[in-house]
């Protein structure tokens, strides 16, 4: 999971986000918690859509 975490963190950083947490659940669900890299505004649905693609 450490390599996976680094890959996800790098991808998020390139989009302007920080990786806060990763949770792996059953049926292939991967839940990623993010924060804006500049902490100037809260995460909204647009951010979630951007990161999920």
PDB file of N, CA and C in Angstrom:
ATOM      1  N   UNK A   1       0.825  -1.198   0.000  1.00  0.00           N
ATOM      2  CA  UNK A   1       0.000   0.000   0.000  1.00  0.00           C
ATOM      3  C   UNK A   1       0.865   1.256   0.000  1.00  0.00           C
ATOM      4  N   UNK A   2       2.092   1.198   0.460  1.00  0.00           N
ATOM      5  CA  UNK A   2       2.961   2.379   0.507  1.00  0.00           C
ATOM      6  C   UNK A   2       3.233   2.920  -0.893  1.00  0.00           C
ATOM      7  N   UNK A   3       3.543   2.035  -1.850  1.00  0.00           N
ATOM      8  CA  UNK A   3       3.772   2.473  -3.226  1.00  0.00           C
ATOM      9  C   UNK A   3       2.512   3.087  -3.820  1.00  0.00           C
ATOM     10  N   UNK A   4       1.380   2.459  -3.541  1.00  0.00           N
ATOM     11  CA  UNK A   4       0.088   2.958  -3.997  1.00  0.00           C
ATOM     12  C   UNK A   4      -0.161   4.356  -3.427  1.00  0.00           C
ATOM     13  N   UNK A   5       0.168   4.542  -2.173  1.00  0.00           N
ATOM     14  CA  UNK A   5      -0.025   5.819  -1.501  1.00  0.00           C
ATOM     15  C   UNK A   5       0.833   6.916  -2.145  1.00  0.00           C
ATOM     16  N   UNK A   6       2.066   6.592  -2.482  1.00  0.00           N
ATOM     17  CA  UNK A   6       2.967   7.559  -3.126  1.00  0.00           C
ATOM     18  C   UNK A   6       2.434   7.936  -4.503  1.00  0.00           C
ATOM     19  N   UNK A   7       1.988   6.965  -5.274  1.00  0.00           N
ATOM     20  CA  UNK A   7       1.441   7.237  -6.605  1.00  0.00           C
ATOM     21  C   UNK A   7       0.217   8.145  -6.532  1.00  0.00           C
ATOM     22  N   UNK A   8      -0.677   7.845  -5.605  1.00  0.00           N
ATOM     23  CA  UNK A   8      -1.887   8.652  -5.445  1.00  0.00           C
ATOM     24  C   UNK A   8      -1.528  10.057  -4.972  1.00  0.00           C
ATOM     25  N   UNK A   9      -0.633  10.164  -4.006  1.00  0.00           N
ATOM     26  CA  UNK A   9      -0.218  11.476  -3.488  1.00  0.00           C
ATOM     27  C   UNK A   9       0.406  12.328  -4.589  1.00  0.00           C
ATOM     28  N   UNK A  10       1.241  11.723  -5.429  1.00  0.00           N
ATOM     29  CA  UNK A  10       1.874  12.456  -6.532  1.00  0.00           C
ATOM     30  C   UNK A  10       0.836  12.931  -7.548  1.00  0.00           C
ATOM     31  N   UNK A  11      -0.102  12.062  -7.882  1.00  0.00           N
ATOM     32  CA  UNK A  11      -1.151  12.428  -8.839  1.00  0.00           C
ATOM     33  C   UNK A  11      -2.013  13.562  -8.288  1.00  0.00           C
ATOM     34  N   UNK A  12      -2.361  13.476  -7.011  1.00  0.00           N
ATOM     35  CA  UNK A  12      -3.169  14.528  -6.388  1.00  0.00           C
ATOM     36  C   UNK A  12      -2.420  15.854  -6.343  1.00  0.00           C
ATOM     37  N   UNK A  13      -1.147  15.796  -6.021  1.00  0.00           N
ATOM     38  CA  UNK A  13      -0.340  17.017  -5.946  1.00  0.00           C
ATOM     39  C   UNK A  13      -0.318  17.736  -7.290  1.00  0.00           C
ATOM     40  N   UNK A  14      -0.228  16.976  -8.372  1.00  0.00           N
ATOM     41  CA  UNK A  14      -0.216  17.588  -9.706  1.00  0.00           C
ATOM     42  C   UNK A  14      -1.547  18.270 -10.035  1.00  0.00           C
ATOM     43  N   UNK A  15      -2.613  17.874  -9.335  1.00  0.00           N
ATOM     44  CA  UNK A  15      -3.930  18.489  -9.519  1.00  0.00           C
ATOM     45  C   UNK A  15      -4.197  19.611  -8.516  1.00  0.00           C
ATOM     46  N   UNK A  16      -3.278  19.796  -7.559  1.00  0.00           N
ATOM     47  CA  UNK A  16      -3.437  20.860  -6.570  1.00  0.00           C
ATOM     48  C   UNK A  16      -4.054  20.421  -5.254  1.00  0.00           C
ATOM     49  N   UNK A  17      -3.936  19.125  -4.936  1.00  0.00           N
ATOM     50  CA  UNK A  17      -4.517  18.585  -3.707  1.00  0.00           C
ATOM     51  C   UNK A  17      -3.475  17.828  -2.896  1.00  0.00           C
ATOM     52  N   UNK A  18      -3.743  17.703  -1.616  1.00  0.00           N
ATOM     53  CA  UNK A  18      -2.919  16.898  -0.721  1.00  0.00           C
ATOM     54  C   UNK A  18      -3.684  15.642  -0.333  1.00  0.00           C
ATOM     55  N   UNK A  19      -2.981  14.543  -0.206  1.00  0.00           N
ATOM     56  CA  UNK A  19      -3.574  13.300   0.270  1.00  0.00           C
ATOM     57  C   UNK A  19      -3.635  13.343   1.789  1.00  0.00           C
ATOM     58  N   UNK A  20      -4.830  13.151   2.336  1.00  0.00           N
ATOM     59  CA  UNK A  20      -5.016  13.133   3.786  1.00  0.00           C
ATOM     60  C   UNK A  20      -5.101  11.697   4.291  1.00  0.00           C
ATOM     61  N   UNK A  21      -5.872  10.855   3.591  1.00  0.00           N
ATOM     62  CA  UNK A  21      -6.075   9.480   4.053  1.00  0.00           C
ATOM     63  C   UNK A  21      -6.522   8.601   2.888  1.00  0.00           C
ATOM     64  N   UNK A  22      -6.227   7.324   3.001  1.00  0.00           N
ATOM     65  CA  UNK A  22      -6.697   6.314   2.052  1.00  0.00           C
ATOM     66  C   UNK A  22      -7.320   5.183   2.856  1.00  0.00           C
ATOM     67  N   UNK A  23      -8.513   4.757   2.434  1.00  0.00           N
ATOM     68  CA  UNK A  23      -9.174   3.606   3.045  1.00  0.00           C
ATOM     69  C   UNK A  23      -9.525   2.625   1.938  1.00  0.00           C
ATOM     70  N   UNK A  24      -9.159   1.379   2.110  1.00  0.00           N
ATOM     71  CA  UNK A  24      -9.533   0.336   1.152  1.00  0.00           C
ATOM     72  C   UNK A  24     -10.622  -0.509   1.806  1.00  0.00           C
ATOM     73  N   UNK A  25     -11.745  -0.639   1.083  1.00  0.00           N
ATOM     74  CA  UNK A  25     -12.866  -1.414   1.595  1.00  0.00           C
ATOM     75  C   UNK A  25     -13.198  -2.523   0.611  1.00  0.00           C
ATOM     76  N   UNK A  26     -14.133  -3.350   0.979  1.00  0.00           N
ATOM     77  CA  UNK A  26     -14.525  -4.475   0.140  1.00  0.00           C
ATOM     78  C   UNK A  26     -15.045  -4.056  -1.221  1.00  0.00           C
ATOM     79  N   UNK A  27     -15.138  -5.007  -2.109  1.00  0.00           N
ATOM     80  CA  UNK A  27     -15.660  -4.829  -3.465  1.00  0.00           C
ATOM     81  C   UNK A  27     -14.878  -3.805  -4.283  1.00  0.00           C
ATOM     82  N   UNK A  28     -13.589  -3.649  -3.990  1.00  0.00           N
ATOM     83  CA  UNK A  28     -12.736  -2.766  -4.783  1.00  0.00           C
ATOM     84  C   UNK A  28     -12.887  -1.284  -4.507  1.00  0.00           C
ATOM     85  N   UNK A  29     -13.551  -0.923  -3.423  1.00  0.00           N
ATOM     86  CA  UNK A  29     -13.750   0.487  -3.090  1.00  0.00           C
ATOM     87  C   UNK A  29     -12.482   1.068  -2.477  1.00  0.00           C
ATOM     88  N   UNK A  30     -12.042   2.171  -3.017  1.00  0.00           N
ATOM     89  CA  UNK A  30     -10.892   2.899  -2.492  1.00  0.00           C
ATOM     90  C   UNK A  30     -11.374   4.305  -2.165  1.00  0.00           C
ATOM     91  N   UNK A  31     -11.370   4.667  -0.897  1.00  0.00           N
ATOM     92  CA  UNK A  31     -11.822   5.991  -0.460  1.00  0.00           C
ATOM     93  C   UNK A  31     -10.592   6.845  -0.184  1.00  0.00           C
ATOM     94  N   UNK A  32     -10.513   7.988  -0.863  1.00  0.00           N
ATOM     95  CA  UNK A  32      -9.382   8.898  -0.730  1.00  0.00           C
ATOM     96  C   UNK A  32      -9.885  10.210  -0.142  1.00  0.00           C
ATOM     97  N   UNK A  33      -9.259  10.660   0.935  1.00  0.00           N
ATOM     98  CA  UNK A  33      -9.599  11.942   1.552  1.00  0.00           C
ATOM     99  C   UNK A  33      -8.546  12.956   1.134  1.00  0.00           C
ATOM    100  N   UNK A  34      -9.018  14.117   0.660  1.00  0.00           N
ATOM    101  CA  UNK A  34      -8.109  15.129   0.118  1.00  0.00           C
ATOM    102  C   UNK A  34      -8.302  16.484   0.798  1.00  0.00           C
ATOM    103  N   UNK A  35      -7.335  17.363   0.578  1.00  0.00           N
ATOM    104  CA  UNK A  35      -7.395  18.756   1.040  1.00  0.00           C
ATOM    105  C   UNK A  35      -6.765  19.602  -0.057  1.00  0.00           C
ATOM    106  N   UNK A  36      -7.246  20.832  -0.214  1.00  0.00           N
ATOM    107  CA  UNK A  36      -6.612  21.747  -1.166  1.00  0.00           C
ATOM    108  C   UNK A  36      -5.199  22.041  -0.709  1.00  0.00           C
ATOM    109  N   UNK A  37      -4.285  22.103  -1.655  1.00  0.00           N
ATOM    110  CA  UNK A  37      -2.873  22.292  -1.329  1.00  0.00           C
ATOM    111  C   UNK A  37      -2.622  23.652  -0.668  1.00  0.00           C
ATOM    112  N   UNK A  38      -3.464  24.653  -0.981  1.00  0.00           N
ATOM    113  CA  UNK A  38      -3.275  25.990  -0.414  1.00  0.00           C
ATOM    114  C   UNK A  38      -4.152  26.245   0.817  1.00  0.00           C
ATOM    115  N   UNK A  39      -5.022  25.321   1.153  1.00  0.00           N
ATOM    116  CA  UNK A  39      -5.906  25.409   2.327  1.00  0.00           C
ATOM    117  C   UNK A  39      -6.790  26.655   2.325  1.00  0.00           C
ATOM    118  N   UNK A  40      -6.975  27.301   1.159  1.00  0.00           N
ATOM    119  CA  UNK A  40      -7.744  28.542   1.109  1.00  0.00           C
ATOM    120  C   UNK A  40      -9.250  28.324   1.032  1.00  0.00           C
ATOM    121  N   UNK A  41      -9.680  27.159   0.622  1.00  0.00           N
ATOM    122  CA  UNK A  41     -11.116  26.910   0.527  1.00  0.00           C
ATOM    123  C   UNK A  41     -11.405  25.441   0.808  1.00  0.00           C
ATOM    124  N   UNK A  42     -12.625  25.168   1.234  1.00  0.00           N
ATOM    125  CA  UNK A  42     -12.985  23.769   1.505  1.00  0.00           C
ATOM    126  C   UNK A  42     -13.158  22.983   0.200  1.00  0.00           C
ATOM    127  N   UNK A  43     -13.075  21.684   0.313  1.00  0.00           N
ATOM    128  CA  UNK A  43     -13.308  20.790  -0.820  1.00  0.00           C
ATOM    129  C   UNK A  43     -14.801  20.798  -1.140  1.00  0.00           C
ATOM    130  N   UNK A  44     -15.134  20.866  -2.429  1.00  0.00           N
ATOM    131  CA  UNK A  44     -16.533  20.782  -2.833  1.00  0.00           C
ATOM    132  C   UNK A  44     -16.703  19.665  -3.868  1.00  0.00           C
ATOM    133  N   UNK A  45     -17.911  19.514  -4.363  1.00  0.00           N
ATOM    134  CA  UNK A  45     -18.215  18.413  -5.280  1.00  0.00           C
ATOM    135  C   UNK A  45     -17.398  18.504  -6.569  1.00  0.00           C
ATOM    136  N   UNK A  46     -17.097  19.718  -7.009  1.00  0.00           N
ATOM    137  CA  UNK A  46     -16.284  19.898  -8.213  1.00  0.00           C
ATOM    138  C   UNK A  46     -14.894  19.301  -8.023  1.00  0.00           C
ATOM    139  N   UNK A  47     -14.324  19.497  -6.839  1.00  0.00           N
ATOM    140  CA  UNK A  47     -13.016  18.911  -6.532  1.00  0.00           C
ATOM    141  C   UNK A  47     -13.097  17.387  -6.549  1.00  0.00           C
ATOM    142  N   UNK A  48     -14.144  16.844  -5.957  1.00  0.00           N
ATOM    143  CA  UNK A  48     -14.315  15.387  -5.921  1.00  0.00           C
ATOM    144  C   UNK A  48     -14.432  14.818  -7.331  1.00  0.00           C
ATOM    145  N   UNK A  49     -15.178  15.502  -8.190  1.00  0.00           N
ATOM    146  CA  UNK A  49     -15.309  15.057  -9.578  1.00  0.00           C
ATOM    147  C   UNK A  49     -13.959  15.081 -10.286  1.00  0.00           C
ATOM    148  N   UNK A  50     -13.212  16.148 -10.090  1.00  0.00           N
ATOM    149  CA  UNK A  50     -11.906  16.303 -10.734  1.00  0.00           C
ATOM    150  C   UNK A  50     -10.948  15.182 -10.325  1.00  0.00           C
ATOM    151  N   UNK A  51     -10.921  14.869  -9.044  1.00  0.00           N
ATOM    152  CA  UNK A  51     -10.002  13.859  -8.513  1.00  0.00           C
ATOM    153  C   UNK A  51     -10.426  12.444  -8.903  1.00  0.00           C
ATOM    154  N   UNK A  52     -11.705  12.215  -9.036  1.00  0.00           N
ATOM    155  CA  UNK A  52     -12.176  10.855  -9.317  1.00  0.00           C
ATOM    156  C   UNK A  52     -11.953  10.434 -10.769  1.00  0.00           C
ATOM    157  N   UNK A  53     -11.574  11.327 -11.612  1.00  0.00           N
ATOM    158  CA  UNK A  53     -11.391  11.005 -13.055  1.00  0.00           C
ATOM    159  C   UNK A  53     -10.007  10.558 -13.365  1.00  0.00           C
TER     160      UNK A  53
END
